[in-house]
Amino acid sequence: MKRTSPSTALLALNAGLLVALAYMNLAPQADAQASRARGGYGIVSGWVLGLNPEVAYIMDEKNQELVAAYWDDRARRFVGVGYRNLSNDAASFQPTR
């Protein structure tokens, strides 16, 4: 049985990695990722009438979105309370006289 030299195996490995790298760079980009800007977040805690735990208000400043959620100890997960798109709210605002 003939053995291949280590340099031949390394050359084949490098050629395979080069082909994989070229494929990844030439593959089409995901459009869902490009349509949304990377967020800048702020968080404030507060109370909601009728809920015992405090609620965390999470504001995405770049995309103008607000989410309210609280931590459920029994389920060990965050539970969403509400969502608002603030740019839509601002666009539909009618000032009073």
PDB file of N, CA and C in Angstrom:
ATOM      1  N   MET A   1       0.831  -1.164   0.000  1.00  0.00           N
ATOM      2  CA  MET A   1       0.000   0.000   0.000  1.00  0.00           C
ATOM      3  C   MET A   1       0.888   1.244   0.000  1.00  0.00           C
ATOM      4  N   LYS A   2       0.612   2.186  -0.894  1.00  0.00           N
ATOM      5  CA  LYS A   2       1.433   3.386  -1.036  1.00  0.00           C
ATOM      6  C   LYS A   2       0.908   4.470  -0.097  1.00  0.00           C
ATOM      7  N   ARG A   3       1.818   5.109   0.655  1.00  0.00           N
ATOM      8  CA  ARG A   3       1.431   6.190   1.570  1.00  0.00           C
ATOM      9  C   ARG A   3       1.663   7.530   0.897  1.00  0.00           C
ATOM     10  N   THR A   4       0.744   8.457   1.144  1.00  0.00           N
ATOM     11  CA  THR A   4       0.931   9.807   0.604  1.00  0.00           C
ATOM     12  C   THR A   4       1.767  10.615   1.582  1.00  0.00           C
ATOM     13  N   SER A   5       2.491  11.554   1.062  1.00  0.00           N
ATOM     14  CA  SER A   5       3.329  12.374   1.927  1.00  0.00           C
ATOM     15  C   SER A   5       2.452  13.411   2.651  1.00  0.00           C
ATOM     16  N   PRO A   6       2.905  13.887   3.805  1.00  0.00           N
ATOM     17  CA  PRO A   6       2.128  14.886   4.543  1.00  0.00           C
ATOM     18  C   PRO A   6       1.906  16.174   3.744  1.00  0.00           C
ATOM     19  N   SER A   7       2.862  16.535   2.903  1.00  0.00           N
ATOM     20  CA  SER A   7       2.697  17.767   2.118  1.00  0.00           C
ATOM     21  C   SER A   7       1.577  17.625   1.086  1.00  0.00           C
ATOM     22  N   THR A   8       1.384  16.442   0.520  1.00  0.00           N
ATOM     23  CA  THR A   8       0.297  16.215  -0.430  1.00  0.00           C
ATOM     24  C   THR A   8      -1.056  16.311   0.282  1.00  0.00           C
ATOM     25  N   ALA A   9      -1.151  15.750   1.472  1.00  0.00           N
ATOM     26  CA  ALA A   9      -2.393  15.816   2.238  1.00  0.00           C
ATOM     27  C   ALA A   9      -2.703  17.254   2.638  1.00  0.00           C
ATOM     28  N   LEU A  10      -1.679  18.010   3.027  1.00  0.00           N
ATOM     29  CA  LEU A  10      -1.899  19.412   3.400  1.00  0.00           C
ATOM     30  C   LEU A  10      -2.309  20.254   2.198  1.00  0.00           C
ATOM     31  N   LEU A  11      -1.727  19.975   1.041  1.00  0.00           N
ATOM     32  CA  LEU A  11      -2.125  20.693  -0.170  1.00  0.00           C
ATOM     33  C   LEU A  11      -3.581  20.412  -0.530  1.00  0.00           C
ATOM     34  N   ALA A  12      -3.997  19.148  -0.397  1.00  0.00           N
ATOM     35  CA  ALA A  12      -5.390  18.804  -0.679  1.00  0.00           C
ATOM     36  C   ALA A  12      -6.327  19.470   0.319  1.00  0.00           C
ATOM     37  N   LEU A  13      -5.948  19.506   1.585  1.00  0.00           N
ATOM     38  CA  LEU A  13      -6.757  20.159   2.611  1.00  0.00           C
ATOM     39  C   LEU A  13      -6.879  21.654   2.341  1.00  0.00           C
ATOM     40  N   ASN A  14      -5.767  22.296   2.020  1.00  0.00           N
ATOM     41  CA  ASN A  14      -5.796  23.736   1.713  1.00  0.00           C
ATOM     42  C   ASN A  14      -6.639  24.032   0.480  1.00  0.00           C
ATOM     43  N   ALA A  15      -6.566  23.177  -0.527  1.00  0.00           N
ATOM     44  CA  ALA A  15      -7.385  23.377  -1.728  1.00  0.00           C
ATOM     45  C   ALA A  15      -8.869  23.254  -1.381  1.00  0.00           C
ATOM     46  N   GLY A  16      -9.228  22.289  -0.537  1.00  0.00           N
ATOM     47  CA  GLY A  16     -10.619  22.135  -0.114  1.00  0.00           C
ATOM     48  C   GLY A  16     -11.102  23.330   0.690  1.00  0.00           C
ATOM     49  N   LEU A  17     -10.262  23.833   1.578  1.00  0.00           N
ATOM     50  CA  LEU A  17     -10.630  25.013   2.358  1.00  0.00           C
ATOM     51  C   LEU A  17     -10.757  26.255   1.478  1.00  0.00           C
ATOM     52  N   LEU A  18      -9.913  26.370   0.474  1.00  0.00           N
ATOM     53  CA  LEU A  18      -9.992  27.487  -0.454  1.00  0.00           C
ATOM     54  C   LEU A  18     -11.297  27.453  -1.251  1.00  0.00           C
ATOM     55  N   VAL A  19     -11.714  26.275  -1.677  1.00  0.00           N
ATOM     56  CA  VAL A  19     -12.978  26.129  -2.391  1.00  0.00           C
ATOM     57  C   VAL A  19     -14.150  26.499  -1.474  1.00  0.00           C
ATOM     58  N   ALA A  20     -14.109  26.051  -0.213  1.00  0.00           N
ATOM     59  CA  ALA A  20     -15.177  26.382   0.742  1.00  0.00           C
ATOM     60  C   ALA A  20     -15.227  27.880   1.006  1.00  0.00           C
ATOM     61  N   LEU A  21     -14.083  28.518   1.138  1.00  0.00           N
ATOM     62  CA  LEU A  21     -14.028  29.961   1.358  1.00  0.00           C
ATOM     63  C   LEU A  21     -14.576  30.725   0.157  1.00  0.00           C
ATOM     64  N   ALA A  22     -14.220  30.312  -1.034  1.00  0.00           N
ATOM     65  CA  ALA A  22     -14.732  30.957  -2.246  1.00  0.00           C
ATOM     66  C   ALA A  22     -16.242  30.802  -2.344  1.00  0.00           C
ATOM     67  N   TYR A  23     -16.751  29.635  -2.005  1.00  0.00           N
ATOM     68  CA  TYR A  23     -18.199  29.410  -2.040  1.00  0.00           C
ATOM     69  C   TYR A  23     -18.918  30.322  -1.044  1.00  0.00           C
ATOM     70  N   MET A  24     -18.374  30.467   0.164  1.00  0.00           N
ATOM     71  CA  MET A  24     -19.012  31.302   1.187  1.00  0.00           C
ATOM     72  C   MET A  24     -19.011  32.775   0.775  1.00  0.00           C
ATOM     73  N   ASN A  25     -17.966  33.227   0.116  1.00  0.00           N
ATOM     74  CA  ASN A  25     -17.904  34.629  -0.302  1.00  0.00           C
ATOM     75  C   ASN A  25     -18.778  34.914  -1.511  1.00  0.00           C
ATOM     76  N   LEU A  26     -18.992  33.925  -2.370  1.00  0.00           N
ATOM     77  CA  LEU A  26     -19.788  34.136  -3.576  1.00  0.00           C
ATOM     78  C   LEU A  26     -21.255  33.777  -3.391  1.00  0.00           C
ATOM     79  N   ALA A  27     -21.621  33.177  -2.253  1.00  0.00           N
ATOM     80  CA  ALA A  27     -23.019  32.806  -1.995  1.00  0.00           C
ATOM     81  C   ALA A  27     -23.853  34.069  -1.822  1.00  0.00           C
ATOM     82  N   PRO A  28     -25.129  34.041  -2.203  1.00  0.00           N
ATOM     83  CA  PRO A  28     -25.970  35.240  -2.056  1.00  0.00           C
ATOM     84  C   PRO A  28     -26.183  35.587  -0.582  1.00  0.00           C
ATOM     85  N   GLN A  29     -26.300  36.886  -0.318  1.00  0.00           N
ATOM     86  CA  GLN A  29     -26.509  37.378   1.035  1.00  0.00           C
ATOM     87  C   GLN A  29     -27.965  37.209   1.438  1.00  0.00           C
ATOM     88  N   ALA A  30     -28.220  37.068   2.725  1.00  0.00           N
ATOM     89  CA  ALA A  30     -29.589  36.982   3.241  1.00  0.00           C
ATOM     90  C   ALA A  30     -30.189  38.382   3.275  1.00  0.00           C
ATOM     91  N   ASP A  31     -31.332  38.565   2.636  1.00  0.00           N
ATOM     92  CA  ASP A  31     -31.963  39.879   2.582  1.00  0.00           C
ATOM     93  C   ASP A  31     -32.575  40.291   3.907  1.00  0.00           C
ATOM     94  N   ALA A  32     -33.024  39.355   4.708  1.00  0.00           N
ATOM     95  CA  ALA A  32     -33.660  39.697   5.981  1.00  0.00           C
ATOM     96  C   ALA A  32     -32.677  40.394   6.915  1.00  0.00           C
ATOM     97  N   GLN A  33     -31.419  40.055   6.836  1.00  0.00           N
ATOM     98  CA  GLN A  33     -30.431  40.690   7.693  1.00  0.00           C
ATOM     99  C   GLN A  33     -30.132  42.112   7.240  1.00  0.00           C
ATOM    100  N   ALA A  34     -30.222  42.378   5.970  1.00  0.00           N
ATOM    101  CA  ALA A  34     -29.853  43.691   5.450  1.00  0.00           C
ATOM    102  C   ALA A  34     -30.947  44.722   5.643  1.00  0.00           C
ATOM    103  N   SER A  35     -32.194  44.314   5.854  1.00  0.00           N
ATOM    104  CA  SER A  35     -33.292  45.270   5.906  1.00  0.00           C
ATOM    105  C   SER A  35     -33.442  45.918   7.275  1.00  0.00           C
ATOM    106  N   ARG A  36     -32.756  45.456   8.280  1.00  0.00           N
ATOM    107  CA  ARG A  36     -32.928  45.972   9.632  1.00  0.00           C
ATOM    108  C   ARG A  36     -31.587  46.472  10.154  1.00  0.00           C
ATOM    109  N   ALA A  37     -31.590  47.686  10.671  1.00  0.00           N
ATOM    110  CA  ALA A  37     -30.367  48.258  11.214  1.00  0.00           C
ATOM    111  C   ALA A  37     -30.026  47.614  12.555  1.00  0.00           C
ATOM    112  N   ARG A  38     -28.751  47.558  12.856  1.00  0.00           N
ATOM    113  CA  ARG A  38     -28.320  47.032  14.148  1.00  0.00           C
ATOM    114  C   ARG A  38     -28.785  47.994  15.230  1.00  0.00           C
ATOM    115  N   GLY A  39     -29.416  47.455  16.254  1.00  0.00           N
ATOM    116  CA  GLY A  39     -30.059  48.287  17.272  1.00  0.00           C
ATOM    117  C   GLY A  39     -29.105  48.855  18.296  1.00  0.00           C
ATOM    118  N   GLY A  40     -29.564  49.925  18.912  1.00  0.00           N
ATOM    119  CA  GLY A  40     -28.932  50.498  20.087  1.00  0.00           C
ATOM    120  C   GLY A  40     -29.989  50.443  21.177  1.00  0.00           C
ATOM    121  N   TYR A  41     -29.712  49.771  22.279  1.00  0.00           N
ATOM    122  CA  TYR A  41     -30.750  49.444  23.233  1.00  0.00           C
ATOM    123  C   TYR A  41     -30.605  50.204  24.541  1.00  0.00           C
ATOM    124  N   GLY A  42     -31.751  50.518  25.134  1.00  0.00           N
ATOM    125  CA  GLY A  42     -31.841  51.071  26.475  1.00  0.00           C
ATOM    126  C   GLY A  42     -32.904  50.285  27.215  1.00  0.00           C
ATOM    127  N   ILE A  43     -32.750  50.158  28.526  1.00  0.00           N
ATOM    128  CA  ILE A  43     -33.712  49.377  29.305  1.00  0.00           C
ATOM    129  C   ILE A  43     -34.039  50.115  30.598  1.00  0.00           C
ATOM    130  N   VAL A  44     -35.336  50.112  30.950  1.00  0.00           N
ATOM    131  CA  VAL A  44     -35.831  50.754  32.157  1.00  0.00           C
ATOM    132  C   VAL A  44     -36.839  49.810  32.790  1.00  0.00           C
ATOM    133  N   SER A  45     -36.845  49.730  34.119  1.00  0.00           N
ATOM    134  CA  SER A  45     -37.844  48.893  34.791  1.00  0.00           C
ATOM    135  C   SER A  45     -39.010  49.759  35.246  1.00  0.00           C
ATOM    136  N   GLY A  46     -40.159  49.126  35.378  1.00  0.00           N
ATOM    137  CA  GLY A  46     -41.348  49.835  35.822  1.00  0.00           C
ATOM    138  C   GLY A  46     -42.441  48.860  36.195  1.00  0.00           C
ATOM    139  N   TRP A  47     -43.596  49.384  36.510  1.00  0.00           N
ATOM    140  CA  TRP A  47     -44.739  48.576  36.919  1.00  0.00           C
ATOM    141  C   TRP A  47     -45.839  48.663  35.885  1.00  0.00           C
ATOM    142  N   VAL A  48     -46.611  47.598  35.776  1.00  0.00           N
ATOM    143  CA  VAL A  48     -47.805  47.567  34.936  1.00  0.00           C
ATOM    144  C   VAL A  48     -48.971  47.230  35.854  1.00  0.00           C
ATOM    145  N   LEU A  49     -50.046  47.976  35.750  1.00  0.00           N
ATOM    146  CA  LEU A  49     -51.216  47.743  36.575  1.00  0.00           C
ATOM    147  C   LEU A  49     -51.757  46.340  36.334  1.00  0.00           C
ATOM    148  N   GLY A  50     -51.902  45.550  37.384  1.00  0.00           N
ATOM    149  CA  GLY A  50     -52.421  44.195  37.263  1.00  0.00           C
ATOM    150  C   GLY A  50     -51.358  43.112  37.218  1.00  0.00           C
ATOM    151  N   LEU A  51     -50.088  43.492  37.125  1.00  0.00           N
ATOM    152  CA  LEU A  51     -48.995  42.503  37.133  1.00  0.00           C
ATOM    153  C   LEU A  51     -48.188  42.656  38.408  1.00  0.00           C
ATOM    154  N   ASN A  52     -47.870  41.530  39.040  1.00  0.00           N
ATOM    155  CA  ASN A  52     -47.101  41.558  40.271  1.00  0.00           C
ATOM    156  C   ASN A  52     -45.624  41.834  40.039  1.00  0.00           C
ATOM    157  N   PRO A  53     -44.957  41.156  39.093  1.00  0.00           N
ATOM    158  CA  PRO A  53     -43.523  41.438  38.922  1.00  0.00           C
ATOM    159  C   PRO A  53     -43.304  42.756  38.177  1.00  0.00           C
ATOM    160  N   GLU A  54     -42.114  43.298  38.380  1.00  0.00           N
ATOM    161  CA  GLU A  54     -41.744  44.491  37.620  1.00  0.00           C
ATOM    162  C   GLU A  54     -41.558  44.128  36.162  1.00  0.00           C
ATOM    163  N   VAL A  55     -41.765  45.108  35.306  1.00  0.00           N
ATOM    164  CA  VAL A  55     -41.651  44.921  33.866  1.00  0.00           C
ATOM    165  C   VAL A  55     -40.410  45.656  33.373  1.00  0.00           C
ATOM    166  N   ALA A  56     -39.692  45.057  32.448  1.00  0.00           N
ATOM    167  CA  ALA A  56     -38.546  45.703  31.810  1.00  0.00           C
ATOM    168  C   ALA A  56     -39.006  46.264  30.470  1.00  0.00           C
ATOM    169  N   TYR A  57     -38.832  47.569  30.298  1.00  0.00           N
ATOM    170  CA  TYR A  57     -39.133  48.223  29.022  1.00  0.00           C
ATOM    171  C   TYR A  57     -37.830  48.307  28.243  1.00  0.00           C
ATOM    172  N   ILE A  58     -37.780  47.644  27.101  1.00  0.00           N
ATOM    173  CA  ILE A  58     -36.569  47.575  26.286  1.00  0.00           C
ATOM    174  C   ILE A  58     -36.802  48.388  25.025  1.00  0.00           C
ATOM    175  N   MET A  59     -36.009  49.441  24.848  1.00  0.00           N
ATOM    176  CA  MET A  59     -36.163  50.359  23.723  1.00  0.00           C
ATOM    177  C   MET A  59     -35.038  50.153  22.723  1.00  0.00           C
ATOM    178  N   ASP A  60     -35.405  49.891  21.480  1.00  0.00           N
ATOM    179  CA  ASP A  60     -34.441  49.819  20.379  1.00  0.00           C
ATOM    180  C   ASP A  60     -34.438  51.203  19.742  1.00  0.00           C
ATOM    181  N   GLU A  61     -33.399  51.979  20.026  1.00  0.00           N
ATOM    182  CA  GLU A  61     -33.357  53.378  19.601  1.00  0.00           C
ATOM    183  C   GLU A  61     -33.200  53.532  18.093  1.00  0.00           C
ATOM    184  N   LYS A  62     -32.443  52.665  17.461  1.00  0.00           N
ATOM    185  CA  LYS A  62     -32.210  52.784  16.017  1.00  0.00           C
ATOM    186  C   LYS A  62     -33.451  52.449  15.205  1.00  0.00           C
ATOM    187  N   ASN A  63     -34.167  51.388  15.599  1.00  0.00           N
ATOM    188  CA  ASN A  63     -35.336  50.940  14.854  1.00  0.00           C
ATOM    189  C   ASN A  63     -36.642  51.478  15.416  1.00  0.00           C
ATOM    190  N   GLN A  64     -36.570  52.287  16.484  1.00  0.00           N
ATOM    191  CA  GLN A  64     -37.732  52.927  17.091  1.00  0.00           C
ATOM    192  C   GLN A  64     -38.809  51.924  17.495  1.00  0.00           C
ATOM    193  N   GLU A  65     -38.405  50.922  18.288  1.00  0.00           N
ATOM    194  CA  GLU A  65     -39.331  49.907  18.767  1.00  0.00           C
ATOM    195  C   GLU A  65     -39.206  49.781  20.281  1.00  0.00           C
ATOM    196  N   LEU A  66     -40.329  49.468  20.932  1.00  0.00           N
ATOM    197  CA  LEU A  66     -40.365  49.315  22.381  1.00  0.00           C
ATOM    198  C   LEU A  66     -41.042  47.998  22.722  1.00  0.00           C
ATOM    199  N   VAL A  67     -40.417  47.221  23.604  1.00  0.00           N
ATOM    200  CA  VAL A  67     -40.962  45.939  24.051  1.00  0.00           C
ATOM    201  C   VAL A  67     -41.011  45.965  25.570  1.00  0.00           C
ATOM    202  N   ALA A  68     -42.102  45.446  26.134  1.00  0.00           N
ATOM    203  CA  ALA A  68     -42.211  45.285  27.584  1.00  0.00           C
ATOM    204  C   ALA A  68     -42.261  43.797  27.887  1.00  0.00           C
ATOM    205  N   ALA A  69     -41.474  43.354  28.874  1.00  0.00           N
ATOM    206  CA  ALA A  69     -41.414  41.932  29.230  1.00  0.00           C
ATOM    207  C   ALA A  69     -41.096  41.794  30.712  1.00  0.00           C
ATOM    208  N   TYR A  70     -41.492  40.668  31.291  1.00  0.00           N
ATOM    209  CA  TYR A  70     -41.134  40.370  32.674  1.00  0.00           C
ATOM    210  C   TYR A  70     -40.612  38.938  32.762  1.00  0.00           C
ATOM    211  N   TRP A  71     -39.900  38.652  33.841  1.00  0.00           N
ATOM    212  CA  TRP A  71     -39.326  37.328  34.055  1.00  0.00           C
ATOM    213  C   TRP A  71     -40.308  36.476  34.841  1.00  0.00           C
ATOM    214  N   ASP A  72     -40.668  35.311  34.293  1.00  0.00           N
ATOM    215  CA  ASP A  72     -41.536  34.352  34.966  1.00  0.00           C
ATOM    216  C   ASP A  72     -40.652  33.315  35.647  1.00  0.00           C
ATOM    217  N   ASP A  73     -40.623  33.335  36.999  1.00  0.00           N
ATOM    218  CA  ASP A  73     -39.762  32.409  37.747  1.00  0.00           C
ATOM    219  C   ASP A  73     -40.167  30.955  37.555  1.00  0.00           C
ATOM    220  N   ARG A  74     -41.446  30.682  37.484  1.00  0.00           N
ATOM    221  CA  ARG A  74     -41.898  29.292  37.354  1.00  0.00           C
ATOM    222  C   ARG A  74     -41.494  28.689  36.013  1.00  0.00           C
ATOM    223  N   ALA A  75     -41.715  29.451  34.929  1.00  0.00           N
ATOM    224  CA  ALA A  75     -41.375  28.949  33.588  1.00  0.00           C
ATOM    225  C   ALA A  75     -39.911  29.191  33.238  1.00  0.00           C
ATOM    226  N   ARG A  76     -39.241  30.028  34.017  1.00  0.00           N
ATOM    227  CA  ARG A  76     -37.831  30.385  33.796  1.00  0.00           C
ATOM    228  C   ARG A  76     -37.608  30.941  32.389  1.00  0.00           C
ATOM    229  N   ARG A  77     -38.434  31.953  32.051  1.00  0.00           N
ATOM    230  CA  ARG A  77     -38.305  32.601  30.740  1.00  0.00           C
ATOM    231  C   ARG A  77     -38.918  33.987  30.813  1.00  0.00           C
ATOM    232  N   PHE A  78     -38.579  34.828  29.833  1.00  0.00           N
ATOM    233  CA  PHE A  78     -39.199  36.142  29.714  1.00  0.00           C
ATOM    234  C   PHE A  78     -40.556  35.993  29.049  1.00  0.00           C
ATOM    235  N   VAL A  79     -41.511  36.764  29.522  1.00  0.00           N
ATOM    236  CA  VAL A  79     -42.856  36.779  28.968  1.00  0.00           C
ATOM    237  C   VAL A  79     -43.115  38.189  28.435  1.00  0.00           C
ATOM    238  N   GLY A  80     -43.471  38.284  27.171  1.00  0.00           N
ATOM    239  CA  GLY A  80     -43.746  39.579  26.567  1.00  0.00           C
ATOM    240  C   GLY A  80     -45.089  40.127  27.018  1.00  0.00           C
ATOM    241  N   VAL A  81     -45.103  41.415  27.338  1.00  0.00           N
ATOM    242  CA  VAL A  81     -46.330  42.090  27.762  1.00  0.00           C
ATOM    243  C   VAL A  81     -46.889  42.925  26.619  1.00  0.00           C
ATOM    244  N   GLY A  82     -46.000  43.601  25.886  1.00  0.00           N
ATOM    245  CA  GLY A  82     -46.480  44.444  24.802  1.00  0.00           C
ATOM    246  C   GLY A  82     -45.362  44.884  23.877  1.00  0.00           C
ATOM    247  N   TYR A  83     -45.759  45.401  22.725  1.00  0.00           N
ATOM    248  CA  TYR A  83     -44.832  45.871  21.695  1.00  0.00           C
ATOM    249  C   TYR A  83     -45.410  47.127  21.065  1.00  0.00           C
ATOM    250  N   ARG A  84     -44.566  48.117  20.804  1.00  0.00           N
ATOM    251  CA  ARG A  84     -44.984  49.320  20.085  1.00  0.00           C
ATOM    252  C   ARG A  84     -43.923  49.695  19.070  1.00  0.00           C
ATOM    253  N   ASN A  85     -44.372  50.067  17.872  1.00  0.00           N
ATOM    254  CA  ASN A  85     -43.493  50.637  16.859  1.00  0.00           C
ATOM    255  C   ASN A  85     -43.620  52.144  17.005  1.00  0.00           C
ATOM    256  N   LEU A  86     -42.613  52.789  17.583  1.00  0.00           N
ATOM    257  CA  LEU A  86     -42.699  54.199  17.927  1.00  0.00           C
ATOM    258  C   LEU A  86     -42.672  55.107  16.707  1.00  0.00           C
ATOM    259  N   SER A  87     -42.018  54.691  15.636  1.00  0.00           N
ATOM    260  CA  SER A  87     -42.020  55.531  14.427  1.00  0.00           C
ATOM    261  C   SER A  87     -43.416  55.575  13.806  1.00  0.00           C
ATOM    262  N   ASN A  88     -44.156  54.455  13.853  1.00  0.00           N
ATOM    263  CA  ASN A  88     -45.546  54.470  13.365  1.00  0.00           C
ATOM    264  C   ASN A  88     -46.425  55.321  14.268  1.00  0.00           C
ATOM    265  N   ASP A  89     -46.206  55.244  15.583  1.00  0.00           N
ATOM    266  CA  ASP A  89     -46.973  56.073  16.512  1.00  0.00           C
ATOM    267  C   ASP A  89     -46.723  57.556  16.277  1.00  0.00           C
ATOM    268  N   ALA A  90     -45.466  57.920  16.048  1.00  0.00           N
ATOM    269  CA  ALA A  90     -45.128  59.334  15.818  1.00  0.00           C
ATOM    270  C   ALA A  90     -45.714  59.825  14.496  1.00  0.00           C
ATOM    271  N   ALA A  91     -45.754  58.962  13.474  1.00  0.00           N
ATOM    272  CA  ALA A  91     -46.285  59.364  12.175  1.00  0.00           C
ATOM    273  C   ALA A  91     -47.798  59.575  12.238  1.00  0.00           C
ATOM    274  N   SER A  92     -48.486  58.842  13.112  1.00  0.00           N
ATOM    275  CA  SER A  92     -49.943  58.970  13.193  1.00  0.00           C
ATOM    276  C   SER A  92     -50.383  59.957  14.273  1.00  0.00           C
ATOM    277  N   PHE A  93     -49.455  60.646  14.901  1.00  0.00           N
ATOM    278  CA  PHE A  93     -49.788  61.585  15.970  1.00  0.00           C
ATOM    279  C   PHE A  93     -50.487  62.816  15.412  1.00  0.00           C
ATOM    280  N   GLN A  94     -51.617  63.154  15.993  1.00  0.00           N
ATOM    281  CA  GLN A  94     -52.363  64.358  15.622  1.00  0.00           C
ATOM    282  C   GLN A  94     -52.332  65.327  16.813  1.00  0.00           C
ATOM    283  N   PRO A  95     -51.667  66.461  16.682  1.00  0.00           N
ATOM    284  CA  PRO A  95     -51.597  67.389  17.806  1.00  0.00           C
ATOM    285  C   PRO A  95     -52.989  67.976  18.118  1.00  0.00           C
ATOM    286  N   THR A  96     -53.221  68.240  19.400  1.00  0.00           N
ATOM    287  CA  THR A  96     -54.493  68.839  19.801  1.00  0.00           C
ATOM    288  C   THR A  96     -54.414  70.347  19.621  1.00  0.00           C
ATOM    289  N   ARG A  97     -55.572  70.966  19.543  1.00  0.00           N
ATOM    290  CA  ARG A  97     -55.602  72.438  19.360  1.00  0.00           C
ATOM    291  C   ARG A  97     -55.376  73.098  20.628  1.00  0.00           C
TER     292      ARG A  97
END
